[in-house]
């Protein structure tokens, strides 16, 4: 049986991710969004039109997962899709004005959760945490799947 106490770094990382995602999910659900759609909204608001496969890579999820989320956004009038003029196989996604407005609300939710997560950390502690997290991610990205 797997005991997380045997893997304190991994268990601690999962606890942070789960707590962070749980708070965001609770607040975005009120806006009528599903988990993952927040990331798509923010990415498109910051970067503009994107290919669905680019979104999938950025989110580290399967293309079908992004396609389902995008379809829901389109059905709710928050995003539009179209084919690339350079490659008709590529589906491009962009936000509608309503999607941009909602993305700003999602950004505020994420900012609030970020502030809550670091409220008792000094700037030096935050910097150390980020440095260590980046090292761990670098270690894990070296592993071939």
C-alpha atoms as a PDB file:
ATOM      1  CA  UNK A   1       0.000   0.000   0.000  1.00  0.00           C
ATOM      2  CA  UNK A   2       1.273   3.472  -0.937  1.00  0.00           C
ATOM      3  CA  UNK A   3       1.824   5.689   2.089  1.00  0.00           C
ATOM      4  CA  UNK A   4       2.362   9.342   1.245  1.00  0.00           C
ATOM      5  CA  UNK A   5       4.421   9.900   4.388  1.00  0.00           C
ATOM      6  CA  UNK A   6       7.049   7.684   2.728  1.00  0.00           C
ATOM      7  CA  UNK A   7       7.287  10.329  -0.030  1.00  0.00           C
ATOM      8  CA  UNK A   8       7.210  13.671   1.815  1.00  0.00           C
ATOM      9  CA  UNK A   9       8.214  15.917  -1.105  1.00  0.00           C
ATOM     10  CA  UNK A  10       5.684  14.415  -3.507  1.00  0.00           C
ATOM     11  CA  UNK A  11       2.948  14.333  -0.882  1.00  0.00           C
ATOM     12  CA  UNK A  12       3.607  17.960   0.072  1.00  0.00           C
ATOM     13  CA  UNK A  13       3.526  19.043  -3.569  1.00  0.00           C
ATOM     14  CA  UNK A  14       0.232  17.222  -4.117  1.00  0.00           C
ATOM     15  CA  UNK A  15      -1.274  18.804  -0.999  1.00  0.00           C
ATOM     16  CA  UNK A  16      -0.405  22.276  -2.309  1.00  0.00           C
ATOM     17  CA  UNK A  17      -1.772  21.570  -5.784  1.00  0.00           C
ATOM     18  CA  UNK A  18      -4.973  20.000  -4.431  1.00  0.00           C
ATOM     19  CA  UNK A  19      -5.624  22.842  -1.990  1.00  0.00           C
ATOM     20  CA  UNK A  20      -4.935  25.471  -4.662  1.00  0.00           C
ATOM     21  CA  UNK A  21      -7.106  23.776  -7.295  1.00  0.00           C
ATOM     22  CA  UNK A  22      -9.893  23.142  -4.793  1.00  0.00           C
ATOM     23  CA  UNK A  23     -10.205  26.835  -3.897  1.00  0.00           C
ATOM     24  CA  UNK A  24     -10.126  27.922  -7.533  1.00  0.00           C
ATOM     25  CA  UNK A  25     -12.597  25.213  -8.600  1.00  0.00           C
ATOM     26  CA  UNK A  26     -15.067  26.291  -5.911  1.00  0.00           C
ATOM     27  CA  UNK A  27     -15.028  29.898  -7.104  1.00  0.00           C
ATOM     28  CA  UNK A  28     -15.034  29.231 -10.850  1.00  0.00           C
ATOM     29  CA  UNK A  29     -17.943  26.799 -10.481  1.00  0.00           C
ATOM     30  CA  UNK A  30     -20.042  29.777  -9.347  1.00  0.00           C
ATOM     31  CA  UNK A  31     -19.153  31.409 -12.691  1.00  0.00           C
ATOM     32  CA  UNK A  32     -20.421  28.323 -14.548  1.00  0.00           C
ATOM     33  CA  UNK A  33     -16.948  27.025 -15.415  1.00  0.00           C
ATOM     34  CA  UNK A  34     -15.407  23.584 -15.115  1.00  0.00           C
ATOM     35  CA  UNK A  35     -11.852  22.927 -13.872  1.00  0.00           C
ATOM     36  CA  UNK A  36      -9.383  23.505 -16.684  1.00  0.00           C
ATOM     37  CA  UNK A  37     -11.502  26.126 -18.374  1.00  0.00           C
ATOM     38  CA  UNK A  38      -9.930  28.724 -16.092  1.00  0.00           C
ATOM     39  CA  UNK A  39      -6.515  27.947 -17.531  1.00  0.00           C
ATOM     40  CA  UNK A  40      -7.808  28.182 -21.097  1.00  0.00           C
ATOM     41  CA  UNK A  41      -9.497  31.518 -20.424  1.00  0.00           C
ATOM     42  CA  UNK A  42      -6.405  33.018 -18.807  1.00  0.00           C
ATOM     43  CA  UNK A  43      -4.075  31.692 -21.508  1.00  0.00           C
ATOM     44  CA  UNK A  44      -6.227  33.082 -24.307  1.00  0.00           C
ATOM     45  CA  UNK A  45      -6.731  36.401 -22.518  1.00  0.00           C
ATOM     46  CA  UNK A  46      -2.974  36.835 -22.074  1.00  0.00           C
ATOM     47  CA  UNK A  47      -1.733  35.416 -25.370  1.00  0.00           C
ATOM     48  CA  UNK A  48      -4.613  35.819 -27.780  1.00  0.00           C
ATOM     49  CA  UNK A  49      -5.667  33.255 -30.354  1.00  0.00           C
ATOM     50  CA  UNK A  50      -4.092  29.815 -29.885  1.00  0.00           C
ATOM     51  CA  UNK A  51      -4.204  26.439 -31.581  1.00  0.00           C
ATOM     52  CA  UNK A  52      -6.014  23.793 -29.532  1.00  0.00           C
ATOM     53  CA  UNK A  53      -2.958  21.538 -29.613  1.00  0.00           C
ATOM     54  CA  UNK A  54      -0.829  24.396 -28.237  1.00  0.00           C
ATOM     55  CA  UNK A  55      -3.286  24.769 -25.354  1.00  0.00           C
ATOM     56  CA  UNK A  56      -3.137  21.022 -24.692  1.00  0.00           C
ATOM     57  CA  UNK A  57       0.667  21.078 -24.540  1.00  0.00           C
ATOM     58  CA  UNK A  58       0.698  24.124 -22.252  1.00  0.00           C
ATOM     59  CA  UNK A  59      -1.826  22.490 -19.918  1.00  0.00           C
ATOM     60  CA  UNK A  60      -0.112  19.093 -20.146  1.00  0.00           C
ATOM     61  CA  UNK A  61      -3.371  17.340 -20.947  1.00  0.00           C
ATOM     62  CA  UNK A  62      -4.730  15.272 -23.814  1.00  0.00           C
ATOM     63  CA  UNK A  63      -6.000  17.133 -26.877  1.00  0.00           C
ATOM     64  CA  UNK A  64      -9.481  15.639 -26.403  1.00  0.00           C
ATOM     65  CA  UNK A  65      -9.673  17.171 -22.917  1.00  0.00           C
ATOM     66  CA  UNK A  66      -8.967  20.635 -24.310  1.00  0.00           C
ATOM     67  CA  UNK A  67     -11.377  20.081 -27.202  1.00  0.00           C
ATOM     68  CA  UNK A  68     -14.181  19.254 -24.749  1.00  0.00           C
ATOM     69  CA  UNK A  69     -13.442  22.335 -22.624  1.00  0.00           C
ATOM     70  CA  UNK A  70     -13.228  24.569 -25.689  1.00  0.00           C
ATOM     71  CA  UNK A  71     -16.532  23.163 -26.999  1.00  0.00           C
ATOM     72  CA  UNK A  72     -18.182  24.097 -23.690  1.00  0.00           C
ATOM     73  CA  UNK A  73     -16.702  27.607 -23.875  1.00  0.00           C
ATOM     74  CA  UNK A  74     -17.964  27.988 -27.450  1.00  0.00           C
ATOM     75  CA  UNK A  75     -21.433  26.716 -26.496  1.00  0.00           C
ATOM     76  CA  UNK A  76     -21.560  29.324 -23.721  1.00  0.00           C
ATOM     77  CA  UNK A  77     -20.535  32.148 -26.054  1.00  0.00           C
ATOM     78  CA  UNK A  78     -17.160  32.621 -24.362  1.00  0.00           C
ATOM     79  CA  UNK A  79     -14.913  31.477 -27.213  1.00  0.00           C
ATOM     80  CA  UNK A  80     -14.893  31.049 -30.968  1.00  0.00           C
ATOM     81  CA  UNK A  81     -13.070  28.512 -33.089  1.00  0.00           C
ATOM     82  CA  UNK A  82     -11.930  28.465 -36.674  1.00  0.00           C
ATOM     83  CA  UNK A  83      -9.519  26.654 -38.931  1.00  0.00           C
ATOM     84  CA  UNK A  84      -6.030  27.989 -39.542  1.00  0.00           C
ATOM     85  CA  UNK A  85      -5.585  29.591 -42.956  1.00  0.00           C
ATOM     86  CA  UNK A  86      -2.083  28.089 -43.061  1.00  0.00           C
ATOM     87  CA  UNK A  87      -3.080  24.557 -42.061  1.00  0.00           C
ATOM     88  CA  UNK A  88      -6.739  23.574 -42.263  1.00  0.00           C
ATOM     89  CA  UNK A  89      -6.179  20.708 -39.825  1.00  0.00           C
ATOM     90  CA  UNK A  90      -5.404  23.162 -37.008  1.00  0.00           C
ATOM     91  CA  UNK A  91      -8.278  24.520 -34.914  1.00  0.00           C
ATOM     92  CA  UNK A  92      -7.677  28.011 -33.561  1.00  0.00           C
ATOM     93  CA  UNK A  93      -9.431  29.301 -30.441  1.00  0.00           C
ATOM     94  CA  UNK A  94     -10.002  32.861 -29.345  1.00  0.00           C
ATOM     95  CA  UNK A  95     -12.130  34.514 -26.688  1.00  0.00           C
ATOM     96  CA  UNK A  96     -15.257  36.506 -27.381  1.00  0.00           C
ATOM     97  CA  UNK A  97     -15.780  39.817 -25.539  1.00  0.00           C
ATOM     98  CA  UNK A  98     -17.836  37.877 -22.954  1.00  0.00           C
ATOM     99  CA  UNK A  99     -14.938  35.406 -22.600  1.00  0.00           C
ATOM    100  CA  UNK A 100     -12.460  38.236 -22.062  1.00  0.00           C
ATOM    101  CA  UNK A 101     -14.709  39.715 -19.369  1.00  0.00           C
ATOM    102  CA  UNK A 102     -15.001  36.356 -17.627  1.00  0.00           C
ATOM    103  CA  UNK A 103     -11.237  35.798 -17.919  1.00  0.00           C
ATOM    104  CA  UNK A 104     -10.700  38.978 -15.882  1.00  0.00           C
ATOM    105  CA  UNK A 105     -12.932  37.555 -13.145  1.00  0.00           C
ATOM    106  CA  UNK A 106     -11.002  34.281 -13.228  1.00  0.00           C
ATOM    107  CA  UNK A 107      -7.706  36.202 -13.020  1.00  0.00           C
ATOM    108  CA  UNK A 108      -8.999  37.893  -9.859  1.00  0.00           C
ATOM    109  CA  UNK A 109      -9.964  34.540  -8.339  1.00  0.00           C
ATOM    110  CA  UNK A 110      -6.498  33.164  -9.087  1.00  0.00           C
ATOM    111  CA  UNK A 111      -4.851  36.289  -7.676  1.00  0.00           C
ATOM    112  CA  UNK A 112      -6.862  35.952  -4.463  1.00  0.00           C
ATOM    113  CA  UNK A 113      -5.864  32.289  -4.072  1.00  0.00           C
ATOM    114  CA  UNK A 114      -2.225  33.199  -4.793  1.00  0.00           C
ATOM    115  CA  UNK A 115      -2.291  35.904  -2.125  1.00  0.00           C
ATOM    116  CA  UNK A 116      -3.885  33.516   0.359  1.00  0.00           C
ATOM    117  CA  UNK A 117      -1.269  30.843  -0.367  1.00  0.00           C
ATOM    118  CA  UNK A 118       1.683  33.138   0.343  1.00  0.00           C
ATOM    119  CA  UNK A 119       0.219  35.292   3.112  1.00  0.00           C
ATOM    120  CA  UNK A 120       2.625  34.028   5.813  1.00  0.00           C
ATOM    121  CA  UNK A 121       5.692  33.717   3.588  1.00  0.00           C
ATOM    122  CA  UNK A 122       8.388  36.343   3.427  1.00  0.00           C
ATOM    123  CA  UNK A 123       9.687  37.386   0.002  1.00  0.00           C
ATOM    124  CA  UNK A 124      12.842  35.344   0.713  1.00  0.00           C
ATOM    125  CA  UNK A 125      10.774  32.247   1.577  1.00  0.00           C
ATOM    126  CA  UNK A 126       8.762  32.694  -1.607  1.00  0.00           C
ATOM    127  CA  UNK A 127      11.960  32.920  -3.667  1.00  0.00           C
ATOM    128  CA  UNK A 128      13.396  29.789  -2.026  1.00  0.00           C
ATOM    129  CA  UNK A 129      10.156  27.883  -2.604  1.00  0.00           C
ATOM    130  CA  UNK A 130      10.073  28.866  -6.287  1.00  0.00           C
ATOM    131  CA  UNK A 131      13.735  27.920  -6.722  1.00  0.00           C
ATOM    132  CA  UNK A 132      13.205  24.496  -5.145  1.00  0.00           C
ATOM    133  CA  UNK A 133       9.963  23.864  -7.062  1.00  0.00           C
ATOM    134  CA  UNK A 134      11.735  24.716 -10.327  1.00  0.00           C
ATOM    135  CA  UNK A 135      14.542  22.283  -9.485  1.00  0.00           C
ATOM    136  CA  UNK A 136      12.059  19.516  -8.720  1.00  0.00           C
ATOM    137  CA  UNK A 137      10.152  20.185 -11.960  1.00  0.00           C
ATOM    138  CA  UNK A 138      13.439  20.098 -13.865  1.00  0.00           C
ATOM    139  CA  UNK A 139      14.244  16.725 -12.326  1.00  0.00           C
ATOM    140  CA  UNK A 140      10.844  15.321 -13.229  1.00  0.00           C
ATOM    141  CA  UNK A 141      10.904  16.716 -16.785  1.00  0.00           C
ATOM    142  CA  UNK A 142      14.072  14.692 -17.425  1.00  0.00           C
ATOM    143  CA  UNK A 143      12.146  11.460 -16.919  1.00  0.00           C
ATOM    144  CA  UNK A 144      11.042   9.843 -20.191  1.00  0.00           C
ATOM    145  CA  UNK A 145       7.448   8.628 -20.171  1.00  0.00           C
END
